Amino acid sequence: MSEKETLGMTEQVSETREVNAAKKKKRNYTIAKIVVALCLVLLVVLSVFEMGFTYRIMKAVEVEGTEYSVAEYNWLYTNSVYDIYNEYYMAYGQLASYFFNPQMPLDEQQYTEDQTLADYVKEYTETSFVTLTSLYNEAKANGYELPQEYYDSIDAEWESLKLNAKAGGFTVGNYLEMNYGRGVNEDVFRSMYERYYYAFTYAQQVRDSEEVSSEEVDAHYSENKDSFDTVSYKSYYINAAAAEGEDAAEALENAKAEAKEVLEGTKEVEFTEARYSVKGNINGLYADWLYDDARVAGDKEIFESETAVYVVEFVEKNDLHYNTVDVRHVLVAPSDTADETAWQEALAAAEDYKAEWEEAGATEEAFANLAGKYSADSSATNGGLYENVFKGQMVSEFEDWCFDSARKSGDVEIIKTSYGYHIMYFVGEAEEYYTYAVTESVKDARYSEYVENLTAEKELSELSGAKFGGKHFN
């Protein structure tokens, strides 16, 4: 082979290598672009999963053919937590958090000796799913239509949530997940509220559809007097538990000696007042004594256990035959109840709101609009309205204003309670308490029987996502 031919072949080989190298470089670049694209897709997918998409498609429970996602489970679990807390609050007021603190992990709090609060809330939630589904299906079967006002209420709830999120510096998505758990978005929020309202407004319709006769009222009262009769009393608590190194018997005797001084009036102390208490909410040590027909105002007695001594004074057995009242209010809460400046600011705001109402015509409708615009109370969505308010339902300052014998329709005043300043609007007297309370109890009993029959043979099945539900409270 000549030098020329050899050189030509070498050039061909070199050119071929360059072409192949260029092709390989192009191919590698194409592969790199595909890998980058796949990585971006993967990141998007992972991001979607991270935002709770998984919890919206993964099923947690099934009732009568209806499956609920983990996100929907979280929504109802959250509502169950606050339903249960409100039951404690109704019974114990501001002491409720000692028994049930939603700010602490529920699996670290006991409901009973053998059951944590997390276990109880799960049980409550699953029972609620059965009831919700049964009522929803029954309402659908009977052609029930949800009134427009409840769709408006859902819109109002959503707008309120967005405002709260913004005020806290959160995105709506983050705020939803913090408050309702993973996976809850606007669609879940709205659809679950709609299902809930649909089922339970239908149930309310069923509950109220039958009249209750006066004979039924009297018979029901006679069978359940302790649930309706209330007493007002004062008590003074003395800790009789022995301190470290102290004899238990001696500690108890010291407490009893102090109680005797209080009883005889030789030692002045501040009693705790309890108003309109039903027997079931009173310490068993002295409940029977308070309810004894022989009690008269001013009676005092000492009661003791192994670790406590009480001095109790009977005030009165309350008359049930009085009229309840309808009232509207705007709650202006201080930003910090321990800060006097915050209280002054709240009062100034309340006075400004009252002036705004007066400029708007000083009507009840204008007041309802004012409450919807400014009130920090949950009644804001209903124009600040509370109907059939009875004694023992609200804090004492609120009630004292409502039940003042001089009160008349249209009265407006700013009062102070531990919650803040209330702009009060007296709508008027409503139903007699005895008739109202006992009638409602009869209807509740009927409703419980109705739901029990409706759900008797219906069961809930846990699905693969059940283990992820409710984790935002643990």
Protein backbone atom coordinates (compact mmCIF):
# COMPACT_ATOMS: atom_id res chain seq x y z
CA MET A 1 0.00 0.00 0.00
CA SER A 2 1.42 3.34 -1.02
CA GLU A 3 2.01 6.16 1.42
CA LYS A 4 -0.78 8.08 -0.29
CA GLU A 5 -3.25 5.24 0.13
CA THR A 6 -2.19 4.74 3.74
CA LEU A 7 -2.65 8.43 4.46
CA GLY A 8 -6.10 8.38 2.81
CA MET A 9 -7.20 5.41 4.89
CA THR A 10 -5.92 7.07 8.03
CA GLU A 11 -7.90 10.20 7.22
CA GLN A 12 -11.02 8.07 6.61
CA VAL A 13 -10.59 6.30 9.93
CA SER A 14 -10.06 9.63 11.66
CA GLU A 15 -13.13 11.12 9.97
CA THR A 16 -15.20 8.06 10.90
CA ARG A 17 -14.08 8.38 14.53
CA GLU A 18 -15.02 12.06 14.57
CA VAL A 19 -18.45 11.31 13.06
CA ASN A 20 -19.02 8.48 15.55
CA ALA A 21 -17.83 10.69 18.42
CA ALA A 22 -20.19 13.43 17.33
CA LYS A 23 -23.07 10.95 17.08
CA LYS A 24 -22.23 9.53 20.51
CA LYS A 25 -22.02 13.02 21.98
CA LYS A 26 -25.41 13.86 20.47
CA ARG A 27 -26.88 10.58 21.72
CA ASN A 28 -25.47 11.18 25.23
CA TYR A 29 -26.90 14.71 25.20
CA THR A 30 -30.31 13.33 24.20
CA ILE A 31 -30.18 10.71 26.97
CA ALA A 32 -29.14 13.40 29.45
CA LYS A 33 -32.15 15.51 28.43
CA ILE A 34 -34.46 12.52 28.89
CA VAL A 35 -32.96 11.76 32.33
CA VAL A 36 -33.37 15.39 33.39
CA ALA A 37 -36.96 15.38 32.13
CA LEU A 38 -37.70 12.15 33.99
CA CYS A 39 -36.17 13.58 37.15
CA LEU A 40 -38.35 16.66 36.82
CA VAL A 41 -41.44 14.49 36.34
CA LEU A 42 -40.43 12.42 39.37
CA LEU A 43 -39.99 15.57 41.45
CA VAL A 44 -43.43 16.79 40.40
CA VAL A 45 -44.96 13.40 41.28
CA LEU A 46 -43.21 13.34 44.64
CA SER A 47 -44.34 16.92 45.23
CA VAL A 48 -47.94 15.97 44.47
CA PHE A 49 -47.68 13.04 46.90
CA GLU A 50 -46.09 15.35 49.47
CA MET A 51 -49.04 17.74 49.17
CA GLY A 52 -51.45 15.04 50.20
CA PHE A 53 -52.62 13.70 46.84
CA THR A 54 -52.07 10.18 48.13
CA TYR A 55 -54.39 10.78 51.09
CA ARG A 56 -57.13 11.98 48.77
CA ILE A 57 -57.12 8.80 46.72
CA MET A 58 -56.19 6.23 49.39
CA LYS A 59 -59.31 4.84 51.08
CA ALA A 60 -59.54 4.67 54.87
CA VAL A 61 -63.00 3.27 55.68
CA GLU A 62 -66.09 1.90 53.95
CA VAL A 63 -69.72 2.01 55.11
CA GLU A 64 -72.58 0.41 53.16
CA GLY A 65 -70.70 0.66 49.85
CA THR A 66 -69.47 4.23 50.40
CA GLU A 67 -65.70 4.56 50.67
CA TYR A 68 -64.03 7.51 52.38
CA SER A 69 -60.47 8.64 51.72
CA VAL A 70 -57.83 9.29 54.37
CA ALA A 71 -58.34 13.04 53.78
CA GLU A 72 -62.09 12.70 54.36
CA TYR A 73 -61.38 10.61 57.45
CA ASN A 74 -59.07 13.36 58.73
CA TRP A 75 -61.80 15.95 58.22
CA LEU A 76 -64.34 14.03 60.29
CA TYR A 77 -61.72 13.03 62.88
CA THR A 78 -60.91 16.70 63.43
CA ASN A 79 -64.58 17.56 63.87
CA SER A 80 -64.93 14.63 66.29
CA VAL A 81 -62.08 15.99 68.42
CA TYR A 82 -63.78 19.34 68.81
CA ASP A 83 -67.24 17.82 69.31
CA ILE A 84 -65.86 15.81 72.23
CA TYR A 85 -63.93 18.79 73.59
CA ASN A 86 -67.10 20.90 73.51
CA GLU A 87 -68.89 18.23 75.55
CA TYR A 88 -66.17 18.53 78.17
CA TYR A 89 -66.37 22.31 78.00
CA MET A 90 -70.13 22.29 78.55
CA ALA A 91 -69.58 20.17 81.67
CA TYR A 92 -66.41 21.71 83.09
CA GLY A 93 -66.01 25.13 81.47
CA GLN A 94 -62.42 26.36 81.32
CA LEU A 95 -61.29 23.29 83.29
CA ALA A 96 -62.10 21.13 80.25
CA SER A 97 -58.47 21.11 79.09
CA TYR A 98 -57.49 19.22 82.25
CA PHE A 99 -59.52 16.28 80.94
CA PHE A 100 -59.07 16.73 77.19
CA ASN A 101 -56.38 18.98 75.75
CA PRO A 102 -56.51 19.08 71.90
CA GLN A 103 -53.10 20.79 71.91
CA MET A 104 -51.41 17.68 73.37
CA PRO A 105 -51.01 14.28 71.65
CA LEU A 106 -54.24 12.35 72.18
CA ASP A 107 -52.40 9.04 72.51
CA GLU A 108 -50.68 10.45 75.61
CA GLN A 109 -53.98 11.29 77.36
CA GLN A 110 -56.31 8.80 79.02
CA TYR A 111 -60.05 8.69 78.42
CA THR A 112 -60.51 5.80 80.81
CA GLU A 113 -58.04 3.60 82.64
CA ASP A 114 -57.97 1.20 79.68
CA GLN A 115 -58.49 3.61 76.77
CA THR A 116 -56.54 6.60 75.51
CA LEU A 117 -58.25 9.66 74.09
CA ALA A 118 -56.84 8.70 70.68
CA ASP A 119 -58.63 5.35 70.91
CA TYR A 120 -61.86 7.01 71.99
CA VAL A 121 -61.76 9.66 69.24
CA LYS A 122 -61.17 6.94 66.65
CA GLU A 123 -64.16 5.00 67.98
CA TYR A 124 -66.27 8.19 68.00
CA THR A 125 -65.20 9.05 64.44
CA GLU A 126 -66.02 5.62 63.08
CA THR A 127 -69.44 5.68 64.76
CA SER A 128 -69.97 9.12 63.21
CA PHE A 129 -69.13 7.73 59.75
CA VAL A 130 -71.81 5.06 60.15
CA THR A 131 -74.39 7.61 61.32
CA LEU A 132 -73.41 10.15 58.64
CA THR A 133 -73.60 7.61 55.82
CA SER A 134 -76.88 6.10 57.01
CA LEU A 135 -78.57 9.49 57.32
CA TYR A 136 -77.15 10.67 54.00
CA ASN A 137 -78.45 7.61 52.17
CA GLU A 138 -81.83 7.88 53.91
CA ALA A 139 -82.11 11.55 52.93
CA LYS A 140 -81.22 10.76 49.30
CA ALA A 141 -83.79 7.96 49.21
CA ASN A 142 -86.46 10.40 50.39
CA GLY A 143 -85.55 13.12 47.89
CA TYR A 144 -84.37 15.62 50.49
CA GLU A 145 -82.79 18.85 49.21
CA LEU A 146 -80.30 20.86 51.24
CA PRO A 147 -81.50 24.46 51.72
CA GLN A 148 -79.40 27.14 50.01
CA GLU A 149 -78.52 28.75 53.34
CA TYR A 150 -76.23 25.81 54.12
CA TYR A 151 -74.33 26.22 50.86
CA ASP A 152 -73.97 29.88 51.83
CA SER A 153 -72.71 28.76 55.23
CA ILE A 154 -70.06 26.56 53.59
CA ASP A 155 -68.95 29.55 51.50
CA ALA A 156 -68.73 31.64 54.66
CA GLU A 157 -66.73 28.94 56.45
CA TRP A 158 -64.31 28.77 53.54
CA GLU A 159 -63.86 32.54 53.38
CA SER A 160 -63.28 32.63 57.15
CA LEU A 161 -60.67 29.90 56.85
CA LYS A 162 -58.84 31.82 54.13
CA LEU A 163 -58.81 34.96 56.25
CA ASN A 164 -57.47 33.05 59.25
CA ALA A 165 -54.76 31.49 57.10
CA LYS A 166 -53.72 34.89 55.77
CA ALA A 167 -53.75 36.45 59.25
CA GLY A 168 -51.46 33.68 60.48
CA GLY A 169 -49.07 34.02 57.56
CA PHE A 170 -49.93 30.61 56.08
CA THR A 171 -51.00 29.43 52.67
CA VAL A 172 -54.53 28.04 52.60
CA GLY A 173 -53.13 24.57 51.84
CA ASN A 174 -50.78 24.61 54.83
CA TYR A 175 -53.48 26.01 57.10
CA LEU A 176 -55.91 23.27 56.04
CA GLU A 177 -53.38 20.53 56.72
CA MET A 178 -52.43 22.00 60.10
CA ASN A 179 -56.06 22.14 61.20
CA TYR A 180 -57.64 19.18 59.41
CA GLY A 181 -54.77 16.84 58.63
CA ARG A 182 -52.95 15.63 55.53
CA GLY A 183 -54.80 15.59 52.23
CA VAL A 184 -57.60 18.00 53.11
CA ASN A 185 -57.99 20.60 50.37
CA GLU A 186 -60.84 22.88 49.30
CA ASP A 187 -62.70 20.10 47.49
CA VAL A 188 -62.55 17.78 50.52
CA PHE A 189 -63.47 20.64 52.86
CA ARG A 190 -66.52 21.61 50.83
CA SER A 191 -67.73 18.11 49.92
CA MET A 192 -67.53 16.84 53.51
CA TYR A 193 -69.29 19.91 54.87
CA GLU A 194 -72.02 19.47 52.26
CA ARG A 195 -72.46 15.78 53.08
CA TYR A 196 -72.48 16.56 56.80
CA TYR A 197 -75.08 19.34 56.49
CA TYR A 198 -77.18 17.26 54.11
CA ALA A 199 -77.35 14.31 56.51
CA PHE A 200 -77.89 16.19 59.74
CA THR A 201 -80.33 18.86 58.53
CA TYR A 202 -82.42 15.97 57.25
CA ALA A 203 -82.09 14.34 60.67
CA GLN A 204 -83.15 17.61 62.32
CA GLN A 205 -86.21 17.68 60.09
CA VAL A 206 -87.10 14.13 61.14
CA ARG A 207 -86.44 14.98 64.81
CA ASP A 208 -88.75 18.01 64.76
CA SER A 209 -91.49 16.53 62.59
CA GLU A 210 -93.63 15.13 65.42
CA GLU A 211 -95.32 17.20 68.09
CA VAL A 212 -94.69 16.55 71.79
CA SER A 213 -97.78 16.72 73.99
CA SER A 214 -97.87 18.40 77.40
CA GLU A 215 -98.62 14.98 78.92
CA GLU A 216 -95.42 13.61 77.40
CA VAL A 217 -93.51 16.61 78.74
CA ASP A 218 -94.75 16.11 82.30
CA ALA A 219 -94.18 12.35 82.21
CA HIS A 220 -90.65 12.75 80.86
CA TYR A 221 -89.81 15.35 83.50
CA SER A 222 -91.11 13.12 86.32
CA GLU A 223 -88.89 10.27 85.13
CA ASN A 224 -85.78 12.45 84.73
CA LYS A 225 -86.00 15.17 87.38
CA ASP A 226 -82.28 15.13 88.15
CA SER A 227 -81.55 16.01 84.53
CA PHE A 228 -83.61 19.21 84.73
CA ASP A 229 -83.75 20.46 88.32
CA THR A 230 -80.86 22.77 89.12
CA VAL A 231 -79.41 24.25 92.29
CA SER A 232 -77.11 27.16 92.99
CA TYR A 233 -74.55 26.82 95.77
CA LYS A 234 -71.17 27.96 97.05
CA SER A 235 -68.24 25.77 98.04
CA TYR A 236 -64.84 26.13 99.63
CA TYR A 237 -62.19 23.47 98.98
CA ILE A 238 -59.45 22.53 101.46
CA ASN A 239 -56.67 20.17 100.40
CA ALA A 240 -56.39 17.40 103.02
CA ALA A 241 -53.69 15.35 101.29
CA ALA A 242 -50.62 14.81 103.46
CA ALA A 243 -47.46 16.61 102.43
CA GLU A 244 -44.19 14.70 102.27
CA GLY A 245 -43.29 13.57 105.78
CA GLU A 246 -46.69 14.55 107.19
CA ASP A 247 -49.07 12.09 108.82
CA ALA A 248 -52.21 11.53 106.71
CA ALA A 249 -54.57 11.47 109.69
CA GLU A 250 -53.06 14.68 111.03
CA ALA A 251 -53.39 16.41 107.65
CA LEU A 252 -57.07 15.45 107.47
CA GLU A 253 -57.72 16.70 111.01
CA ASN A 254 -56.04 20.01 110.23
CA ALA A 255 -58.22 20.42 107.14
CA LYS A 256 -61.35 19.63 109.15
CA ALA A 257 -60.34 22.17 111.79
CA GLU A 258 -59.98 24.83 109.10
CA ALA A 259 -63.33 23.85 107.64
CA LYS A 260 -64.97 24.27 111.04
CA GLU A 261 -63.57 27.81 111.32
CA VAL A 262 -64.96 28.62 107.88
CA LEU A 263 -68.34 27.12 108.77
CA GLU A 264 -68.58 29.13 112.00
CA GLY A 265 -67.43 32.31 110.29
CA THR A 266 -64.28 32.79 112.38
CA LYS A 267 -62.16 32.48 109.24
CA GLU A 268 -63.08 34.54 106.18
CA VAL A 269 -62.48 32.89 102.83
CA GLU A 270 -63.64 33.32 99.24
CA PHE A 271 -66.21 30.72 98.20
CA THR A 272 -66.54 29.45 94.65
CA GLU A 273 -70.03 30.02 93.25
CA ALA A 274 -71.82 27.41 91.14
CA ARG A 275 -75.07 28.43 89.46
CA TYR A 276 -77.83 26.35 87.90
CA SER A 277 -76.01 23.04 88.27
CA VAL A 278 -77.73 19.74 87.53
CA LYS A 279 -77.16 16.91 89.97
CA GLY A 280 -74.97 14.89 87.61
CA ASN A 281 -72.39 17.69 87.48
CA ILE A 282 -72.08 18.09 91.24
CA ASN A 283 -69.57 16.34 93.52
CA GLY A 284 -71.17 13.14 94.78
CA LEU A 285 -70.05 13.95 98.33
CA TYR A 286 -72.69 16.63 98.68
CA ALA A 287 -75.07 16.32 95.70
CA ASP A 288 -77.78 14.51 97.70
CA TRP A 289 -77.49 17.07 100.52
CA LEU A 290 -78.04 19.95 98.08
CA TYR A 291 -81.06 18.24 96.53
CA ASP A 292 -82.70 17.36 99.84
CA ASP A 293 -86.14 19.02 99.98
CA ALA A 294 -85.30 20.21 103.52
CA ARG A 295 -82.60 22.59 102.24
CA VAL A 296 -83.13 26.31 102.78
CA ALA A 297 -81.03 29.26 101.71
CA GLY A 298 -77.96 29.71 103.90
CA ASP A 299 -77.65 26.09 105.04
CA LYS A 300 -73.96 25.11 105.41
CA GLU A 301 -72.27 21.77 105.93
CA ILE A 302 -68.80 20.15 105.93
CA PHE A 303 -68.06 17.18 103.67
CA GLU A 304 -64.86 15.19 103.58
CA SER A 305 -62.99 12.55 101.63
CA GLU A 306 -59.57 11.06 102.37
CA THR A 307 -57.78 13.91 100.61
CA ALA A 308 -60.18 16.87 100.61
CA VAL A 309 -62.61 18.73 102.83
CA TYR A 310 -65.39 21.00 101.52
CA VAL A 311 -67.54 23.62 103.14
CA VAL A 312 -70.76 23.90 101.11
CA GLU A 313 -73.47 26.55 101.34
CA PHE A 314 -76.90 26.06 99.76
CA VAL A 315 -78.16 29.12 97.87
CA GLU A 316 -81.37 28.01 96.16
CA LYS A 317 -83.16 25.38 94.14
CA ASN A 318 -83.90 27.13 90.87
CA ASP A 319 -87.38 27.54 89.43
CA LEU A 320 -87.67 26.03 85.94
CA HIS A 321 -90.74 28.05 85.03
CA TYR A 322 -89.25 31.16 83.49
CA ASN A 323 -88.94 32.37 79.91
CA THR A 324 -85.77 31.81 77.95
CA VAL A 325 -84.48 34.71 75.85
CA ASP A 326 -83.26 35.40 72.33
CA VAL A 327 -80.21 37.64 72.16
CA ARG A 328 -77.60 38.77 69.67
CA HIS A 329 -74.07 39.82 70.54
CA VAL A 330 -70.75 40.87 69.06
CA LEU A 331 -67.73 39.52 70.92
CA VAL A 332 -64.65 41.75 70.80
CA ALA A 333 -61.86 39.67 72.31
CA PRO A 334 -58.59 41.22 73.53
CA SER A 335 -55.47 39.98 71.77
CA ASP A 336 -54.04 39.05 75.18
CA THR A 337 -56.34 38.65 78.21
CA ALA A 338 -53.39 39.24 80.55
CA ASP A 339 -52.58 42.63 78.99
CA GLU A 340 -54.53 45.66 80.23
CA THR A 341 -53.66 47.61 77.08
CA ALA A 342 -55.21 44.84 74.98
CA TRP A 343 -58.41 45.12 77.05
CA GLN A 344 -58.49 48.88 76.51
CA GLU A 345 -58.05 48.37 72.76
CA ALA A 346 -60.88 45.81 72.73
CA LEU A 347 -63.20 48.23 74.55
CA ALA A 348 -62.34 51.03 72.13
CA ALA A 349 -63.07 48.72 69.19
CA ALA A 350 -66.40 47.67 70.74
CA GLU A 351 -67.42 51.32 71.14
CA ASP A 352 -66.46 52.01 67.51
CA TYR A 353 -68.51 49.03 66.30
CA LYS A 354 -71.52 50.15 68.36
CA ALA A 355 -71.24 53.62 66.82
CA GLU A 356 -71.05 52.06 63.35
CA TRP A 357 -74.26 50.13 64.09
CA GLU A 358 -76.02 53.31 65.22
CA GLU A 359 -74.97 55.05 61.99
CA ALA A 360 -76.33 52.07 60.01
CA GLY A 361 -79.83 52.59 61.41
CA ALA A 362 -79.62 50.91 64.84
CA THR A 363 -81.90 48.05 63.71
CA GLU A 364 -81.70 44.35 64.53
CA GLU A 365 -80.79 43.63 60.90
CA ALA A 366 -77.94 46.13 61.10
CA PHE A 367 -76.78 44.49 64.33
CA ALA A 368 -76.81 41.04 62.68
CA ASN A 369 -74.64 42.44 59.89
CA LEU A 370 -72.31 43.96 62.49
CA ALA A 371 -71.93 40.58 64.24
CA GLY A 372 -71.20 38.84 60.95
CA LYS A 373 -68.53 41.41 60.18
CA TYR A 374 -66.74 41.74 63.53
CA SER A 375 -67.68 39.13 66.15
CA ALA A 376 -65.01 36.72 67.37
CA ASP A 377 -67.73 34.30 68.49
CA SER A 378 -68.88 31.31 66.41
CA SER A 379 -72.39 32.79 66.34
CA ALA A 380 -71.07 35.42 63.91
CA THR A 381 -72.19 33.21 61.01
CA ASN A 382 -75.74 33.51 62.34
CA GLY A 383 -75.70 37.25 62.95
CA GLY A 384 -74.59 36.79 66.56
CA LEU A 385 -77.91 35.15 67.45
CA TYR A 386 -78.49 32.83 70.39
CA GLU A 387 -82.04 31.54 70.75
CA ASN A 388 -83.73 30.13 73.85
CA VAL A 389 -80.85 31.08 76.14
CA PHE A 390 -81.43 29.54 79.57
CA LYS A 391 -79.92 30.15 82.97
CA GLY A 392 -76.64 28.31 83.41
CA GLN A 393 -75.86 28.25 79.69
CA MET A 394 -73.65 31.34 79.48
CA VAL A 395 -71.12 33.05 81.74
CA SER A 396 -72.67 34.91 84.65
CA GLU A 397 -72.20 38.49 83.36
CA PHE A 398 -73.81 37.56 80.03
CA GLU A 399 -76.77 35.93 81.76
CA ASP A 400 -77.23 38.63 84.38
CA TRP A 401 -77.68 41.15 81.59
CA CYS A 402 -80.07 38.90 79.64
CA PHE A 403 -82.28 38.05 82.61
CA ASP A 404 -82.39 41.48 84.22
CA SER A 405 -86.08 42.09 85.03
CA ALA A 406 -85.82 45.55 83.44
CA ARG A 407 -84.63 44.16 80.10
CA LYS A 408 -86.76 45.00 77.05
CA SER A 409 -86.56 44.31 73.30
CA GLY A 410 -84.04 46.48 71.48
CA ASP A 411 -81.82 47.12 74.52
CA VAL A 412 -78.13 47.46 73.57
CA GLU A 413 -75.18 47.65 75.93
CA ILE A 414 -71.48 46.78 76.13
CA ILE A 415 -70.62 44.35 78.93
CA LYS A 416 -67.38 42.68 79.98
CA THR A 417 -66.78 38.97 80.59
CA SER A 418 -63.63 36.85 80.84
CA TYR A 419 -63.84 36.37 77.05
CA GLY A 420 -63.79 40.06 76.16
CA TYR A 421 -66.31 42.85 75.58
CA HIS A 422 -69.76 41.91 74.31
CA ILE A 423 -72.02 44.34 72.47
CA MET A 424 -75.39 42.94 73.55
CA TYR A 425 -78.69 43.25 71.67
CA PHE A 426 -81.80 41.96 73.45
CA VAL A 427 -84.21 40.44 70.93
CA GLY A 428 -86.87 39.39 73.44
CA GLU A 429 -88.28 36.64 75.62
CA ALA A 430 -88.78 33.22 74.07
CA GLU A 431 -90.22 29.87 75.21
CA GLU A 432 -90.75 28.87 78.82
CA TYR A 433 -87.65 27.01 79.97
CA TYR A 434 -89.45 24.02 81.51
CA THR A 435 -91.48 23.32 78.37
CA TYR A 436 -88.58 24.03 76.03
CA ALA A 437 -85.97 21.95 77.91
CA VAL A 438 -88.15 18.90 78.50
CA THR A 439 -89.61 18.98 74.97
CA GLU A 440 -86.10 19.08 73.49
CA SER A 441 -85.10 16.15 75.69
CA VAL A 442 -88.08 14.11 74.45
CA LYS A 443 -87.12 14.90 70.86
CA ASP A 444 -83.51 13.93 71.57
CA ALA A 445 -84.67 10.59 72.95
CA ARG A 446 -86.81 9.98 69.87
CA TYR A 447 -83.93 10.96 67.59
CA SER A 448 -81.51 8.61 69.38
CA GLU A 449 -83.95 5.76 68.93
CA TYR A 450 -84.40 6.66 65.25
CA VAL A 451 -80.64 6.69 64.60
CA GLU A 452 -80.15 3.50 66.59
CA ASN A 453 -82.72 1.71 64.45
CA LEU A 454 -81.32 3.19 61.23
CA THR A 455 -77.72 2.11 61.97
CA ALA A 456 -78.46 -1.11 63.88
CA GLU A 457 -77.06 -3.56 61.31
CA LYS A 458 -74.66 -1.29 59.47
CA GLU A 459 -70.93 -1.79 59.95
CA LEU A 460 -67.76 0.07 59.10
CA SER A 461 -64.80 -1.66 57.46
CA GLU A 462 -61.29 -0.31 57.83
CA LEU A 463 -59.35 -0.17 54.56
CA SER A 464 -55.64 0.14 53.81
CA GLY A 465 -55.48 3.87 54.58
CA ALA A 466 -57.10 3.66 58.01
CA LYS A 467 -53.73 3.56 59.76
CA PHE A 468 -52.88 7.03 58.39
CA GLY A 469 -56.03 8.74 59.70
CA GLY A 470 -56.00 11.17 62.61
CA LYS A 471 -52.21 11.33 62.93
CA HIS A 472 -52.23 15.13 63.11
CA PHE A 473 -53.49 14.88 66.69
CA ASN A 474 -50.84 12.38 67.84
